[in-house]
Amino acid sequence: MEAKMFEATGKGNTRAAEYANAQDFCRIFDKDMNSLYLLALLLTGDHEKAQQSFVAGLENAKNRSTVFKEWARSWARRVIVQNALRAVNPRPGGENAAPRAASPRNDGDERPQIAAVLEMEPFDRFVFVLSVLEDYSDHECAILLNSTRRDVLAARIRAYEHMGRAAKFRDVERLDSRAAAQAEFDRAPYSASCMQVAG
């Protein structure tokens, strides 16, 4: 009788060891903090909402007891996505669906590529991040975003166009800055240049 009880307990412990616990999720959120926060930021487009999504994601993940350990990392990313969806509630169509004509903002805090993503309309941004960066299928995106595959496809096309315009704008900016640097060099006194070469 005791042997059977020990065997049953052993099997229970083995099964429990297969699932991620709160400490496992804490380690994942600590180790992957940068990438998880960046995912939240790219989805929400806002640092405050990104922080809320990250913290809520950690709390949600810690309370899960039925996630296999090998799936815990992808589950953590999924929880971030779900919290970002709740924080923003992006919808296709309407007056905000058209891409903005303005060049992407960059106040110096964000890298140009990140700033370009943050400039997108919410639905387009979610589609771009989920389908292009996170490799979700159109079907998965449509289900998560409560929309159609057609909406997802149209949003991804707009997002690609937006990123293309942003890249072109950055190239023009780089050319302008090179031209300005060249003009400064050309305006430098000839004698100073000669002295540098001679010295």
C-alpha atoms as a PDB file:
ATOM      1  CA  MET A   1       0.000   0.000   0.000  1.00  0.00           C
ATOM      2  CA  GLU A   2       2.743   2.434   0.996  1.00  0.00           C
ATOM      3  CA  ALA A   3       4.722   1.541  -2.136  1.00  0.00           C
ATOM      4  CA  LYS A   4       1.715   2.392  -4.331  1.00  0.00           C
ATOM      5  CA  MET A   5       1.211   5.695  -2.543  1.00  0.00           C
ATOM      6  CA  PHE A   6       4.906   6.544  -2.968  1.00  0.00           C
ATOM      7  CA  GLU A   7       4.721   5.629  -6.657  1.00  0.00           C
ATOM      8  CA  ALA A   8       1.627   7.830  -7.156  1.00  0.00           C
ATOM      9  CA  THR A   9       3.284  10.727  -5.306  1.00  0.00           C
ATOM     10  CA  GLY A  10       6.424  10.299  -7.389  1.00  0.00           C
ATOM     11  CA  LYS A  11       4.417  10.478 -10.601  1.00  0.00           C
ATOM     12  CA  GLY A  12       2.641  13.585  -9.312  1.00  0.00           C
ATOM     13  CA  ASN A  13       5.955  15.272  -8.526  1.00  0.00           C
ATOM     14  CA  THR A  14       7.339  14.345 -11.947  1.00  0.00           C
ATOM     15  CA  ARG A  15       4.286  15.831 -13.653  1.00  0.00           C
ATOM     16  CA  ALA A  16       4.519  18.987 -11.531  1.00  0.00           C
ATOM     17  CA  ALA A  17       8.197  19.333 -12.475  1.00  0.00           C
ATOM     18  CA  GLU A  18       7.205  19.420 -16.153  1.00  0.00           C
ATOM     19  CA  TYR A  19       5.225  22.640 -15.641  1.00  0.00           C
ATOM     20  CA  ALA A  20       6.667  26.132 -15.251  1.00  0.00           C
ATOM     21  CA  ASN A  21       6.170  27.679 -11.817  1.00  0.00           C
ATOM     22  CA  ALA A  22       6.259  31.281 -10.607  1.00  0.00           C
ATOM     23  CA  GLN A  23      10.047  31.203 -10.168  1.00  0.00           C
ATOM     24  CA  ASP A  24      10.504  29.973 -13.748  1.00  0.00           C
ATOM     25  CA  PHE A  25       8.444  32.870 -15.072  1.00  0.00           C
ATOM     26  CA  CYS A  26      10.290  35.364 -12.857  1.00  0.00           C
ATOM     27  CA  ARG A  27      13.586  34.117 -14.304  1.00  0.00           C
ATOM     28  CA  ILE A  28      12.242  34.443 -17.863  1.00  0.00           C
ATOM     29  CA  PHE A  29      10.937  37.973 -17.298  1.00  0.00           C
ATOM     30  CA  ASP A  30      14.233  38.926 -15.662  1.00  0.00           C
ATOM     31  CA  LYS A  31      16.466  37.382 -18.332  1.00  0.00           C
ATOM     32  CA  ASP A  32      14.325  38.525 -21.291  1.00  0.00           C
ATOM     33  CA  MET A  33      13.325  41.859 -19.752  1.00  0.00           C
ATOM     34  CA  ASN A  34      14.620  43.985 -22.651  1.00  0.00           C
ATOM     35  CA  SER A  35      13.000  41.980 -25.422  1.00  0.00           C
ATOM     36  CA  LEU A  36       9.702  41.579 -23.545  1.00  0.00           C
ATOM     37  CA  TYR A  37       9.533  45.284 -22.736  1.00  0.00           C
ATOM     38  CA  LEU A  38      10.408  46.165 -26.339  1.00  0.00           C
ATOM     39  CA  LEU A  39       7.592  43.885 -27.532  1.00  0.00           C
ATOM     40  CA  ALA A  40       5.174  45.671 -25.187  1.00  0.00           C
ATOM     41  CA  LEU A  41       6.406  49.086 -26.359  1.00  0.00           C
ATOM     42  CA  LEU A  42       6.169  48.259 -30.059  1.00  0.00           C
ATOM     43  CA  LEU A  43       2.623  46.992 -29.580  1.00  0.00           C
ATOM     44  CA  THR A  44       1.272  49.726 -27.321  1.00  0.00           C
ATOM     45  CA  GLY A  45       3.265  52.609 -28.811  1.00  0.00           C
ATOM     46  CA  ASP A  46       3.520  54.135 -25.338  1.00  0.00           C
ATOM     47  CA  HIS A  47       6.070  53.676 -22.547  1.00  0.00           C
ATOM     48  CA  GLU A  48       3.503  53.861 -19.740  1.00  0.00           C
ATOM     49  CA  LYS A  49       1.205  51.278 -21.344  1.00  0.00           C
ATOM     50  CA  ALA A  50       4.215  49.127 -22.187  1.00  0.00           C
ATOM     51  CA  GLN A  51       5.271  49.110 -18.543  1.00  0.00           C
ATOM     52  CA  GLN A  52       1.742  48.237 -17.431  1.00  0.00           C
ATOM     53  CA  SER A  53       1.573  45.411 -19.983  1.00  0.00           C
ATOM     54  CA  PHE A  54       4.941  44.076 -18.846  1.00  0.00           C
ATOM     55  CA  VAL A  55       4.057  44.097 -15.126  1.00  0.00           C
ATOM     56  CA  ALA A  56       0.589  42.631 -15.744  1.00  0.00           C
ATOM     57  CA  GLY A  57       2.184  40.031 -18.017  1.00  0.00           C
ATOM     58  CA  LEU A  58       4.516  38.912 -15.242  1.00  0.00           C
ATOM     59  CA  GLU A  59       1.602  38.648 -12.797  1.00  0.00           C
ATOM     60  CA  ASN A  60      -0.509  36.695 -15.317  1.00  0.00           C
ATOM     61  CA  ALA A  61       2.349  34.339 -16.149  1.00  0.00           C
ATOM     62  CA  LYS A  62       3.210  33.671 -12.499  1.00  0.00           C
ATOM     63  CA  ASN A  63      -0.367  32.593 -11.822  1.00  0.00           C
ATOM     64  CA  ARG A  64      -0.320  29.976 -14.592  1.00  0.00           C
ATOM     65  CA  SER A  65       0.306  26.456 -13.365  1.00  0.00           C
ATOM     66  CA  THR A  66      -0.414  24.461 -16.501  1.00  0.00           C
ATOM     67  CA  VAL A  67       2.262  25.695 -18.920  1.00  0.00           C
ATOM     68  CA  PHE A  68       5.000  23.253 -19.859  1.00  0.00           C
ATOM     69  CA  LYS A  69       8.481  24.550 -19.052  1.00  0.00           C
ATOM     70  CA  GLU A  70       9.601  24.374 -22.667  1.00  0.00           C
ATOM     71  CA  TRP A  71       6.651  26.599 -23.643  1.00  0.00           C
ATOM     72  CA  ALA A  72       7.102  29.117 -20.828  1.00  0.00           C
ATOM     73  CA  ARG A  73       9.173  31.618 -22.835  1.00  0.00           C
ATOM     74  CA  SER A  74       6.688  31.747 -25.734  1.00  0.00           C
ATOM     75  CA  TRP A  75       3.829  31.876 -23.215  1.00  0.00           C
ATOM     76  CA  ALA A  76       5.445  34.925 -21.582  1.00  0.00           C
ATOM     77  CA  ARG A  77       5.508  36.715 -24.954  1.00  0.00           C
ATOM     78  CA  ARG A  78       1.893  35.707 -25.579  1.00  0.00           C
ATOM     79  CA  VAL A  79       0.836  37.184 -22.230  1.00  0.00           C
ATOM     80  CA  ILE A  80       2.551  40.469 -23.131  1.00  0.00           C
ATOM     81  CA  VAL A  81       0.606  40.515 -26.417  1.00  0.00           C
ATOM     82  CA  GLN A  82      -2.697  39.866 -24.645  1.00  0.00           C
ATOM     83  CA  ASN A  83      -2.103  42.662 -22.125  1.00  0.00           C
ATOM     84  CA  ALA A  84      -1.061  45.079 -24.861  1.00  0.00           C
ATOM     85  CA  LEU A  85      -4.266  44.229 -26.735  1.00  0.00           C
ATOM     86  CA  ARG A  86      -6.318  45.027 -23.647  1.00  0.00           C
ATOM     87  CA  ALA A  87      -4.433  48.293 -23.101  1.00  0.00           C
ATOM     88  CA  VAL A  88      -4.858  49.574 -26.681  1.00  0.00           C
ATOM     89  CA  ASN A  89      -7.824  47.672 -28.183  1.00  0.00           C
ATOM     90  CA  PRO A  90      -6.770  48.343 -31.819  1.00  0.00           C
ATOM     91  CA  ARG A  91      -9.512  48.317 -34.458  1.00  0.00           C
ATOM     92  CA  PRO A  92      -9.288  48.276 -38.253  1.00  0.00           C
ATOM     93  CA  GLY A  93     -10.980  50.918 -40.399  1.00  0.00           C
ATOM     94  CA  GLY A  94     -12.286  54.270 -39.304  1.00  0.00           C
ATOM     95  CA  GLU A  95     -10.622  57.622 -39.555  1.00  0.00           C
ATOM     96  CA  ASN A  96      -7.376  56.447 -37.959  1.00  0.00           C
ATOM     97  CA  ALA A  97      -6.766  53.590 -40.401  1.00  0.00           C
ATOM     98  CA  ALA A  98      -4.918  55.652 -43.020  1.00  0.00           C
ATOM     99  CA  PRO A  99      -1.155  55.882 -42.561  1.00  0.00           C
ATOM    100  CA  ARG A 100       0.204  59.218 -41.459  1.00  0.00           C
ATOM    101  CA  ALA A 101       1.922  61.297 -44.091  1.00  0.00           C
ATOM    102  CA  ALA A 102       4.294  62.921 -41.634  1.00  0.00           C
ATOM    103  CA  SER A 103       7.827  61.664 -41.231  1.00  0.00           C
ATOM    104  CA  PRO A 104       8.430  59.459 -38.210  1.00  0.00           C
ATOM    105  CA  ARG A 105       9.126  61.301 -34.991  1.00  0.00           C
ATOM    106  CA  ASN A 106      12.310  60.657 -33.132  1.00  0.00           C
ATOM    107  CA  ASP A 107      12.966  62.793 -30.110  1.00  0.00           C
ATOM    108  CA  GLY A 108      16.304  61.099 -29.554  1.00  0.00           C
ATOM    109  CA  ASP A 109      14.985  58.499 -27.106  1.00  0.00           C
ATOM    110  CA  GLU A 110      14.174  55.859 -29.720  1.00  0.00           C
ATOM    111  CA  ARG A 111      16.172  54.289 -32.530  1.00  0.00           C
ATOM    112  CA  PRO A 112      14.839  55.362 -35.947  1.00  0.00           C
ATOM    113  CA  GLN A 113      13.365  51.939 -36.736  1.00  0.00           C
ATOM    114  CA  ILE A 114      11.553  51.790 -33.402  1.00  0.00           C
ATOM    115  CA  ALA A 115      10.340  55.374 -33.791  1.00  0.00           C
ATOM    116  CA  ALA A 116       8.957  54.465 -37.233  1.00  0.00           C
ATOM    117  CA  VAL A 117       6.959  51.556 -35.780  1.00  0.00           C
ATOM    118  CA  LEU A 118       5.628  53.742 -32.960  1.00  0.00           C
ATOM    119  CA  GLU A 119       4.359  56.222 -35.573  1.00  0.00           C
ATOM    120  CA  MET A 120       1.994  53.678 -37.123  1.00  0.00           C
ATOM    121  CA  GLU A 121      -1.709  53.649 -36.435  1.00  0.00           C
ATOM    122  CA  PRO A 122      -2.477  51.120 -33.654  1.00  0.00           C
ATOM    123  CA  PHE A 123      -4.057  48.393 -35.790  1.00  0.00           C
ATOM    124  CA  ASP A 124      -1.317  48.585 -38.433  1.00  0.00           C
ATOM    125  CA  ARG A 125       1.323  48.547 -35.708  1.00  0.00           C
ATOM    126  CA  PHE A 126      -0.146  45.435 -34.059  1.00  0.00           C
ATOM    127  CA  VAL A 127      -0.353  43.634 -37.388  1.00  0.00           C
ATOM    128  CA  PHE A 128       3.220  44.583 -38.293  1.00  0.00           C
ATOM    129  CA  VAL A 129       4.656  43.516 -34.941  1.00  0.00           C
ATOM    130  CA  LEU A 130       2.649  40.297 -34.699  1.00  0.00           C
ATOM    131  CA  SER A 131       2.862  39.089 -38.288  1.00  0.00           C
ATOM    132  CA  VAL A 132       6.274  40.407 -39.344  1.00  0.00           C
ATOM    133  CA  LEU A 133       8.318  40.538 -36.139  1.00  0.00           C
ATOM    134  CA  GLU A 134       6.637  37.776 -34.100  1.00  0.00           C
ATOM    135  CA  ASP A 135       5.774  35.525 -37.067  1.00  0.00           C
ATOM    136  CA  TYR A 136       2.070  35.054 -36.290  1.00  0.00           C
ATOM    137  CA  SER A 137       0.001  33.772 -39.210  1.00  0.00           C
ATOM    138  CA  ASP A 138      -2.673  35.980 -40.776  1.00  0.00           C
ATOM    139  CA  HIS A 139      -5.286  33.670 -39.289  1.00  0.00           C
ATOM    140  CA  GLU A 140      -3.821  34.016 -35.768  1.00  0.00           C
ATOM    141  CA  CYS A 141      -3.601  37.805 -36.163  1.00  0.00           C
ATOM    142  CA  ALA A 142      -7.207  38.003 -37.327  1.00  0.00           C
ATOM    143  CA  ILE A 143      -8.389  35.996 -34.311  1.00  0.00           C
ATOM    144  CA  LEU A 144      -6.299  37.981 -31.813  1.00  0.00           C
ATOM    145  CA  LEU A 145      -7.328  41.324 -33.301  1.00  0.00           C
ATOM    146  CA  ASN A 146     -10.972  40.297 -33.746  1.00  0.00           C
ATOM    147  CA  SER A 147     -10.829  41.200 -37.438  1.00  0.00           C
ATOM    148  CA  THR A 148     -10.613  39.527 -40.837  1.00  0.00           C
ATOM    149  CA  ARG A 149      -7.627  38.237 -42.774  1.00  0.00           C
ATOM    150  CA  ARG A 150      -8.346  40.908 -45.352  1.00  0.00           C
ATOM    151  CA  ASP A 151      -7.998  43.595 -42.664  1.00  0.00           C
ATOM    152  CA  VAL A 152      -4.715  42.029 -41.560  1.00  0.00           C
ATOM    153  CA  LEU A 153      -3.336  41.907 -45.107  1.00  0.00           C
ATOM    154  CA  ALA A 154      -4.332  45.526 -45.817  1.00  0.00           C
ATOM    155  CA  ALA A 155      -2.780  46.676 -42.529  1.00  0.00           C
ATOM    156  CA  ARG A 156       0.472  44.847 -43.254  1.00  0.00           C
ATOM    157  CA  ILE A 157       0.713  46.491 -46.690  1.00  0.00           C
ATOM    158  CA  ARG A 158       0.177  49.919 -45.095  1.00  0.00           C
ATOM    159  CA  ALA A 159       2.799  49.095 -42.465  1.00  0.00           C
ATOM    160  CA  TYR A 160       5.358  48.085 -45.101  1.00  0.00           C
ATOM    161  CA  GLU A 161       4.639  51.287 -47.025  1.00  0.00           C
ATOM    162  CA  HIS A 162       5.074  53.318 -43.852  1.00  0.00           C
ATOM    163  CA  MET A 163       8.397  51.639 -43.043  1.00  0.00           C
ATOM    164  CA  GLY A 164       9.550  52.241 -46.629  1.00  0.00           C
ATOM    165  CA  ARG A 165       8.742  55.955 -46.346  1.00  0.00           C
ATOM    166  CA  ALA A 166      10.502  56.111 -42.979  1.00  0.00           C
ATOM    167  CA  ALA A 167      13.639  54.469 -44.413  1.00  0.00           C
ATOM    168  CA  LYS A 168      13.597  56.870 -47.366  1.00  0.00           C
ATOM    169  CA  PHE A 169      13.243  59.812 -44.966  1.00  0.00           C
ATOM    170  CA  ARG A 170      16.231  58.571 -42.942  1.00  0.00           C
ATOM    171  CA  ASP A 171      18.308  58.228 -46.134  1.00  0.00           C
ATOM    172  CA  VAL A 172      17.457  61.810 -47.109  1.00  0.00           C
ATOM    173  CA  GLU A 173      18.353  62.978 -43.605  1.00  0.00           C
ATOM    174  CA  ARG A 174      21.700  61.183 -43.836  1.00  0.00           C
ATOM    175  CA  LEU A 175      22.408  62.739 -47.228  1.00  0.00           C
ATOM    176  CA  ASP A 176      21.488  66.173 -45.872  1.00  0.00           C
ATOM    177  CA  SER A 177      23.812  65.747 -42.897  1.00  0.00           C
ATOM    178  CA  ARG A 178      26.664  64.584 -45.163  1.00  0.00           C
ATOM    179  CA  ALA A 179      26.093  67.548 -47.470  1.00  0.00           C
ATOM    180  CA  ALA A 180      26.128  69.903 -44.476  1.00  0.00           C
ATOM    181  CA  ALA A 181      29.373  68.364 -43.211  1.00  0.00           C
ATOM    182  CA  GLN A 182      30.938  68.688 -46.658  1.00  0.00           C
ATOM    183  CA  ALA A 183      29.817  72.340 -46.854  1.00  0.00           C
ATOM    184  CA  GLU A 184      31.413  73.012 -43.454  1.00  0.00           C
ATOM    185  CA  PHE A 185      34.655  71.466 -44.645  1.00  0.00           C
ATOM    186  CA  ASP A 186      34.568  73.520 -47.843  1.00  0.00           C
ATOM    187  CA  ARG A 187      34.049  76.728 -45.823  1.00  0.00           C
ATOM    188  CA  ALA A 188      37.068  76.015 -43.597  1.00  0.00           C
ATOM    189  CA  PRO A 189      39.995  78.424 -44.209  1.00  0.00           C
ATOM    190  CA  TYR A 190      42.392  77.097 -46.821  1.00  0.00           C
ATOM    191  CA  SER A 191      45.402  78.059 -44.715  1.00  0.00           C
ATOM    192  CA  ALA A 192      44.158  75.983 -41.760  1.00  0.00           C
ATOM    193  CA  SER A 193      43.818  72.935 -44.018  1.00  0.00           C
ATOM    194  CA  CYS A 194      47.310  73.454 -45.366  1.00  0.00           C
ATOM    195  CA  MET A 195      48.735  73.785 -41.866  1.00  0.00           C
ATOM    196  CA  GLN A 196      47.122  70.508 -40.831  1.00  0.00           C
ATOM    197  CA  VAL A 197      48.579  68.691 -43.830  1.00  0.00           C
ATOM    198  CA  ALA A 198      51.999  70.273 -43.369  1.00  0.00           C
ATOM    199  CA  GLY A 199      52.029  69.727 -39.600  1.00  0.00           C
END
